[in-house]
Amino acid sequence: MERVVDFEFTGYTLTQNVRIESQDVNNIEKTSREITQLINQGVEFYSESPEYYYSKLSELKIQMVAEATKDARTRAEQVAKNAKGKLGNLRYSNLGVFQIVAPNSSEEITWDGTFNRLSKRKTAMVTVKLQFGLK
């Protein structure tokens, strides 16, 4: 036996994901805050905090590696000088991972790198290990 049932619709649900990307950080932050007005008007809305990315990371990495390498050589030269020796040729180098964290953060530094997206301000770190011979 077949039975036909009529349903009374009381409303509809629309689900849509919206992602906004812009280099205008102030406008993104303003828009994020204004979402509250929609919620106060009864619009069911789920919003996440803005994420912040550094758009010139490739250039920054090159600059940081250069500075870290120069600093490591300077420190190695000072150690050799204090030990009455002279720094020889580079024998080995190893570039560690990049860590990008919020300033004064307690974020965990990991072996595969950390990349903070929640803080607008960031601190970037890289580790360079150099091994020199002595003359």
N, C-alpha and C. Protein backbone atom coordinates (compact mmCIF):
# COMPACT_ATOMS: atom_id res chain seq x y z
N MET A 1 0.83 -1.17 0.00
CA MET A 1 0.00 0.00 0.00
C MET A 1 0.88 1.24 0.00
N GLU A 2 0.61 2.11 -0.91
CA GLU A 2 1.36 3.35 -1.03
C GLU A 2 0.64 4.46 -0.29
N ARG A 3 1.47 5.34 0.32
CA ARG A 3 0.88 6.44 1.07
C ARG A 3 1.55 7.74 0.68
N VAL A 4 0.81 8.74 0.32
CA VAL A 4 1.35 10.05 -0.06
C VAL A 4 1.23 10.96 1.15
N VAL A 5 2.35 11.60 1.48
CA VAL A 5 2.37 12.50 2.65
C VAL A 5 2.78 13.88 2.16
N ASP A 6 2.01 14.88 2.57
CA ASP A 6 2.38 16.25 2.26
C ASP A 6 3.16 16.82 3.44
N PHE A 7 4.27 17.47 3.14
CA PHE A 7 5.07 18.11 4.18
C PHE A 7 4.87 19.61 4.11
N GLU A 8 4.84 20.22 5.27
CA GLU A 8 4.76 21.67 5.33
C GLU A 8 6.16 22.19 5.60
N PHE A 9 6.68 22.98 4.67
CA PHE A 9 8.02 23.53 4.84
C PHE A 9 7.95 24.76 5.74
N THR A 10 8.84 24.81 6.71
CA THR A 10 8.86 25.94 7.64
C THR A 10 10.04 26.86 7.38
N GLY A 11 10.88 26.49 6.49
CA GLY A 11 12.03 27.33 6.18
C GLY A 11 13.02 26.58 5.31
N TYR A 12 14.03 27.25 4.95
CA TYR A 12 15.06 26.67 4.11
C TYR A 12 16.41 26.95 4.75
N THR A 13 17.36 26.15 4.42
CA THR A 13 18.73 26.34 4.89
C THR A 13 19.64 26.50 3.68
N LEU A 14 20.43 27.54 3.71
CA LEU A 14 21.43 27.76 2.67
C LEU A 14 22.79 27.71 3.34
N THR A 15 23.65 26.90 2.80
CA THR A 15 25.01 26.83 3.31
C THR A 15 25.94 27.25 2.19
N GLN A 16 26.81 28.18 2.51
CA GLN A 16 27.76 28.65 1.51
C GLN A 16 29.04 29.07 2.23
N ASN A 17 30.15 28.64 1.70
CA ASN A 17 31.44 29.05 2.25
C ASN A 17 31.96 30.23 1.45
N VAL A 18 32.45 31.23 2.16
CA VAL A 18 33.01 32.41 1.52
C VAL A 18 34.40 32.63 2.10
N ARG A 19 35.35 32.80 1.23
CA ARG A 19 36.72 33.08 1.65
C ARG A 19 37.14 34.38 0.99
N ILE A 20 37.63 35.31 1.78
CA ILE A 20 38.05 36.60 1.26
C ILE A 20 39.55 36.71 1.46
N GLU A 21 40.26 36.99 0.37
CA GLU A 21 41.70 37.20 0.44
C GLU A 21 41.99 38.61 -0.07
N SER A 22 42.83 39.31 0.67
CA SER A 22 43.16 40.67 0.27
C SER A 22 44.46 41.08 0.94
N GLN A 23 45.18 41.98 0.30
CA GLN A 23 46.36 42.56 0.92
C GLN A 23 45.98 43.75 1.79
N ASP A 24 44.72 44.16 1.75
CA ASP A 24 44.22 45.26 2.57
C ASP A 24 43.82 44.70 3.94
N VAL A 25 44.80 44.53 4.80
CA VAL A 25 44.60 43.89 6.10
C VAL A 25 43.58 44.64 6.95
N ASN A 26 43.62 45.96 6.93
CA ASN A 26 42.68 46.74 7.75
C ASN A 26 41.24 46.49 7.33
N ASN A 27 40.99 46.39 6.03
CA ASN A 27 39.65 46.14 5.53
C ASN A 27 39.18 44.74 5.91
N ILE A 28 40.06 43.77 5.85
CA ILE A 28 39.71 42.40 6.23
C ILE A 28 39.34 42.36 7.71
N GLU A 29 40.13 43.03 8.55
CA GLU A 29 39.83 43.05 9.98
C GLU A 29 38.49 43.74 10.25
N LYS A 30 38.22 44.84 9.54
CA LYS A 30 36.96 45.56 9.70
C LYS A 30 35.79 44.67 9.30
N THR A 31 35.92 44.00 8.16
CA THR A 31 34.86 43.10 7.68
C THR A 31 34.63 41.98 8.69
N SER A 32 35.70 41.44 9.24
CA SER A 32 35.59 40.36 10.22
C SER A 32 34.80 40.82 11.45
N ARG A 33 35.06 42.04 11.90
CA ARG A 33 34.33 42.57 13.06
C ARG A 33 32.86 42.85 12.73
N GLU A 34 32.58 43.28 11.49
CA GLU A 34 31.21 43.63 11.11
C GLU A 34 30.31 42.41 10.96
N ILE A 35 30.87 41.23 10.90
CA ILE A 35 30.08 40.00 10.82
C ILE A 35 29.15 39.91 12.03
N THR A 36 29.57 40.45 13.15
CA THR A 36 28.76 40.44 14.37
C THR A 36 27.40 41.08 14.13
N GLN A 37 27.33 42.11 13.29
CA GLN A 37 26.06 42.77 12.99
C GLN A 37 25.08 41.80 12.36
N LEU A 38 25.55 40.94 11.48
CA LEU A 38 24.68 39.93 10.87
C LEU A 38 24.16 38.96 11.93
N ILE A 39 25.04 38.55 12.80
CA ILE A 39 24.65 37.61 13.86
C ILE A 39 23.60 38.25 14.76
N ASN A 40 23.78 39.54 15.10
CA ASN A 40 22.82 40.26 15.94
C ASN A 40 21.45 40.41 15.26
N GLN A 41 21.42 40.35 13.92
CA GLN A 41 20.16 40.45 13.18
C GLN A 41 19.50 39.08 13.02
N GLY A 42 20.09 38.06 13.62
CA GLY A 42 19.50 36.73 13.57
C GLY A 42 19.99 35.85 12.44
N VAL A 43 20.95 36.35 11.68
CA VAL A 43 21.51 35.53 10.60
C VAL A 43 22.49 34.55 11.23
N GLU A 44 22.24 33.27 11.01
CA GLU A 44 23.17 32.28 11.54
C GLU A 44 24.42 32.32 10.68
N PHE A 45 25.52 32.59 11.32
CA PHE A 45 26.75 32.83 10.60
C PHE A 45 27.89 32.28 11.41
N TYR A 46 28.78 31.55 10.77
CA TYR A 46 29.97 31.06 11.44
C TYR A 46 31.16 31.76 10.82
N SER A 47 31.96 32.37 11.64
CA SER A 47 33.10 33.13 11.15
C SER A 47 34.36 32.69 11.89
N GLU A 48 35.43 32.59 11.17
CA GLU A 48 36.73 32.29 11.78
C GLU A 48 37.56 33.55 11.84
N SER A 49 38.53 33.55 12.71
CA SER A 49 39.44 34.69 12.83
C SER A 49 40.24 34.85 11.53
N PRO A 50 40.59 36.08 11.20
CA PRO A 50 41.42 36.28 10.01
C PRO A 50 42.77 35.57 10.17
N GLU A 51 43.31 35.13 9.07
CA GLU A 51 44.65 34.55 9.06
C GLU A 51 45.57 35.51 8.31
N TYR A 52 46.79 35.63 8.80
CA TYR A 52 47.76 36.57 8.23
C TYR A 52 48.94 35.80 7.66
N TYR A 53 49.25 36.08 6.39
CA TYR A 53 50.36 35.44 5.71
C TYR A 53 51.35 36.52 5.26
N TYR A 54 52.62 36.17 5.32
CA TYR A 54 53.65 37.08 4.83
C TYR A 54 53.88 36.77 3.36
N SER A 55 53.64 37.73 2.48
CA SER A 55 53.62 37.47 1.04
C SER A 55 55.00 37.50 0.38
N LYS A 56 56.03 37.90 1.10
CA LYS A 56 57.36 37.96 0.51
C LYS A 56 58.31 37.00 1.22
N LEU A 57 57.80 35.83 1.57
CA LEU A 57 58.57 34.87 2.34
C LEU A 57 59.80 34.36 1.59
N SER A 58 59.69 34.17 0.30
CA SER A 58 60.84 33.67 -0.47
C SER A 58 62.03 34.63 -0.37
N GLU A 59 61.78 35.92 -0.53
CA GLU A 59 62.85 36.90 -0.44
C GLU A 59 63.40 36.97 0.99
N LEU A 60 62.51 36.88 1.97
CA LEU A 60 62.93 36.93 3.37
C LEU A 60 63.83 35.75 3.70
N LYS A 61 63.51 34.57 3.22
CA LYS A 61 64.32 33.38 3.49
C LYS A 61 65.74 33.57 2.98
N ILE A 62 65.89 34.07 1.77
CA ILE A 62 67.22 34.29 1.20
C ILE A 62 68.01 35.27 2.05
N GLN A 63 67.38 36.36 2.44
CA GLN A 63 68.03 37.37 3.27
C GLN A 63 68.42 36.80 4.63
N MET A 64 67.52 36.02 5.23
CA MET A 64 67.80 35.45 6.55
C MET A 64 68.94 34.44 6.50
N VAL A 65 68.98 33.61 5.46
CA VAL A 65 70.06 32.63 5.32
C VAL A 65 71.39 33.36 5.17
N ALA A 66 71.41 34.42 4.37
CA ALA A 66 72.64 35.19 4.18
C ALA A 66 73.11 35.80 5.50
N GLU A 67 72.20 36.39 6.25
CA GLU A 67 72.57 37.01 7.52
C GLU A 67 73.00 35.97 8.55
N ALA A 68 72.30 34.84 8.60
CA ALA A 68 72.64 33.79 9.56
C ALA A 68 74.00 33.19 9.24
N THR A 69 74.30 33.01 7.96
CA THR A 69 75.59 32.45 7.54
C THR A 69 76.71 33.42 7.89
N LYS A 70 76.50 34.69 7.62
CA LYS A 70 77.51 35.71 7.95
C LYS A 70 77.75 35.74 9.46
N ASP A 71 76.69 35.70 10.24
CA ASP A 71 76.81 35.72 11.69
C ASP A 71 77.54 34.47 12.20
N ALA A 72 77.22 33.31 11.64
CA ALA A 72 77.88 32.07 12.06
C ALA A 72 79.38 32.13 11.76
N ARG A 73 79.74 32.67 10.62
CA ARG A 73 81.17 32.78 10.27
C ARG A 73 81.87 33.74 11.23
N THR A 74 81.23 34.86 11.53
CA THR A 74 81.82 35.83 12.46
C THR A 74 82.06 35.19 13.83
N ARG A 75 81.08 34.44 14.32
CA ARG A 75 81.25 33.78 15.61
C ARG A 75 82.34 32.72 15.57
N ALA A 76 82.41 31.97 14.47
CA ALA A 76 83.45 30.95 14.33
C ALA A 76 84.84 31.60 14.28
N GLU A 77 84.96 32.72 13.57
CA GLU A 77 86.23 33.44 13.53
C GLU A 77 86.65 33.91 14.92
N GLN A 78 85.68 34.38 15.70
CA GLN A 78 85.98 34.85 17.06
C GLN A 78 86.44 33.69 17.94
N VAL A 79 85.80 32.54 17.81
CA VAL A 79 86.21 31.36 18.58
C VAL A 79 87.63 30.96 18.21
N ALA A 80 87.92 30.91 16.89
CA ALA A 80 89.27 30.54 16.44
C ALA A 80 90.30 31.55 16.94
N LYS A 81 89.98 32.83 16.87
CA LYS A 81 90.90 33.88 17.33
C LYS A 81 91.17 33.73 18.82
N ASN A 82 90.12 33.52 19.60
CA ASN A 82 90.30 33.38 21.06
C ASN A 82 91.11 32.14 21.41
N ALA A 83 91.09 31.14 20.53
CA ALA A 83 91.85 29.91 20.77
C ALA A 83 93.22 29.97 20.10
N LYS A 84 93.62 31.17 19.67
CA LYS A 84 94.90 31.41 19.00
C LYS A 84 95.05 30.59 17.71
N GLY A 85 93.96 30.43 17.03
CA GLY A 85 93.97 29.72 15.76
C GLY A 85 93.45 30.62 14.66
N LYS A 86 93.30 30.04 13.49
CA LYS A 86 92.78 30.79 12.36
C LYS A 86 91.76 29.92 11.65
N LEU A 87 90.67 30.55 11.26
CA LEU A 87 89.58 29.82 10.62
C LEU A 87 89.99 29.36 9.23
N GLY A 88 89.69 28.10 8.93
CA GLY A 88 89.98 27.54 7.62
C GLY A 88 88.76 27.56 6.72
N ASN A 89 88.74 26.67 5.75
CA ASN A 89 87.65 26.60 4.77
C ASN A 89 86.39 25.97 5.39
N LEU A 90 85.29 26.29 4.77
CA LEU A 90 84.01 25.69 5.16
C LEU A 90 84.03 24.22 4.76
N ARG A 91 83.71 23.34 5.71
CA ARG A 91 83.70 21.90 5.44
C ARG A 91 82.29 21.33 5.33
N TYR A 92 81.35 21.97 6.02
CA TYR A 92 80.00 21.40 6.09
C TYR A 92 79.02 22.53 6.41
N SER A 93 77.86 22.47 5.82
CA SER A 93 76.80 23.42 6.18
C SER A 93 75.47 22.69 6.19
N ASN A 94 74.59 23.16 7.05
CA ASN A 94 73.26 22.57 7.15
C ASN A 94 72.27 23.69 7.46
N LEU A 95 71.24 23.75 6.66
CA LEU A 95 70.20 24.76 6.84
C LEU A 95 69.04 24.12 7.58
N GLY A 96 68.68 24.68 8.72
CA GLY A 96 67.54 24.19 9.49
C GLY A 96 66.22 24.70 8.93
N VAL A 97 65.15 24.39 9.61
CA VAL A 97 63.83 24.81 9.16
C VAL A 97 63.57 26.26 9.57
N PHE A 98 62.61 26.85 8.89
CA PHE A 98 62.18 28.20 9.23
C PHE A 98 61.07 28.11 10.26
N GLN A 99 61.15 28.97 11.24
CA GLN A 99 60.12 29.05 12.27
C GLN A 99 59.52 30.44 12.17
N ILE A 100 58.22 30.53 12.02
CA ILE A 100 57.54 31.82 11.98
C ILE A 100 56.49 31.79 13.07
N VAL A 101 56.71 32.60 14.10
CA VAL A 101 55.85 32.59 15.27
C VAL A 101 55.43 34.02 15.61
N ALA A 102 54.47 34.13 16.51
CA ALA A 102 54.09 35.45 16.99
C ALA A 102 55.21 35.98 17.90
N PRO A 103 55.44 37.29 17.91
CA PRO A 103 56.48 37.84 18.79
C PRO A 103 56.22 37.46 20.25
N ASN A 104 57.28 37.15 20.97
CA ASN A 104 57.21 36.79 22.40
C ASN A 104 56.25 35.62 22.62
N SER A 105 56.20 34.73 21.68
CA SER A 105 55.26 33.63 21.72
C SER A 105 55.82 32.43 22.46
N SER A 106 54.92 31.63 22.98
CA SER A 106 55.32 30.36 23.58
C SER A 106 54.97 29.21 22.64
N GLU A 107 54.78 29.55 21.35
CA GLU A 107 54.47 28.51 20.37
C GLU A 107 55.61 27.50 20.34
N GLU A 108 55.23 26.26 20.13
CA GLU A 108 56.22 25.20 20.10
C GLU A 108 57.03 25.25 18.82
N ILE A 109 58.34 25.22 18.98
CA ILE A 109 59.23 25.16 17.84
C ILE A 109 59.37 23.69 17.47
N THR A 110 59.17 23.36 16.19
CA THR A 110 59.16 21.96 15.79
C THR A 110 60.28 21.67 14.79
N TRP A 111 60.57 20.41 14.61
CA TRP A 111 61.61 19.97 13.68
C TRP A 111 61.21 20.20 12.24
N ASP A 112 59.92 20.27 11.97
CA ASP A 112 59.50 20.47 10.59
C ASP A 112 59.05 21.90 10.32
N GLY A 113 59.28 22.79 11.29
CA GLY A 113 58.97 24.20 11.10
C GLY A 113 57.61 24.58 11.66
N THR A 114 57.47 25.83 11.97
CA THR A 114 56.24 26.38 12.50
C THR A 114 55.87 27.58 11.64
N PHE A 115 54.59 27.71 11.33
CA PHE A 115 54.16 28.85 10.52
C PHE A 115 52.89 29.43 11.12
N ASN A 116 53.04 30.49 11.89
CA ASN A 116 51.92 31.14 12.55
C ASN A 116 51.09 31.92 11.53
N ARG A 117 49.77 31.70 11.56
CA ARG A 117 48.87 32.42 10.67
C ARG A 117 47.92 33.34 11.42
N LEU A 118 47.90 33.27 12.75
CA LEU A 118 46.90 34.02 13.52
C LEU A 118 47.38 35.39 13.97
N SER A 119 48.66 35.60 14.05
CA SER A 119 49.20 36.88 14.49
C SER A 119 49.57 37.75 13.28
N LYS A 120 49.19 39.03 13.37
CA LYS A 120 49.54 39.95 12.29
C LYS A 120 51.05 40.22 12.28
N ARG A 121 51.61 40.36 13.47
CA ARG A 121 53.06 40.55 13.59
C ARG A 121 53.71 39.19 13.77
N LYS A 122 54.87 39.02 13.18
CA LYS A 122 55.52 37.72 13.21
C LYS A 122 57.01 37.87 13.50
N THR A 123 57.57 36.82 14.06
CA THR A 123 59.01 36.71 14.25
C THR A 123 59.46 35.50 13.44
N ALA A 124 60.44 35.70 12.58
CA ALA A 124 60.95 34.61 11.74
C ALA A 124 62.34 34.23 12.21
N MET A 125 62.60 32.92 12.25
CA MET A 125 63.90 32.42 12.69
C MET A 125 64.34 31.31 11.75
N VAL A 126 65.65 31.21 11.58
CA VAL A 126 66.22 30.09 10.83
C VAL A 126 67.53 29.71 11.54
N THR A 127 67.85 28.44 11.48
CA THR A 127 69.09 27.95 12.07
C THR A 127 70.01 27.51 10.95
N VAL A 128 71.26 27.97 11.01
CA VAL A 128 72.27 27.57 10.05
C VAL A 128 73.43 26.97 10.84
N LYS A 129 73.85 25.79 10.43
CA LYS A 129 75.01 25.14 11.08
C LYS A 129 76.14 25.08 10.07
N LEU A 130 77.27 25.68 10.44
CA LEU A 130 78.44 25.68 9.58
C LEU A 130 79.60 25.02 10.33
N GLN A 131 80.39 24.25 9.61
CA GLN A 131 81.58 23.62 10.21
C GLN A 131 82.78 24.04 9.39
N PHE A 132 83.75 24.64 10.07
CA PHE A 132 84.96 25.11 9.40
C PHE A 132 86.16 24.30 9.85
N GLY A 133 87.15 24.25 9.00
CA GLY A 133 88.43 23.70 9.38
C GLY A 133 89.24 24.79 10.07
N LEU A 134 90.34 24.41 10.67
CA LEU A 134 91.23 25.37 11.31
C LEU A 134 92.59 25.34 10.60
N LYS A 135 93.24 26.49 10.57
CA LYS A 135 94.58 26.57 9.98
C LYS A 135 95.60 26.57 11.08
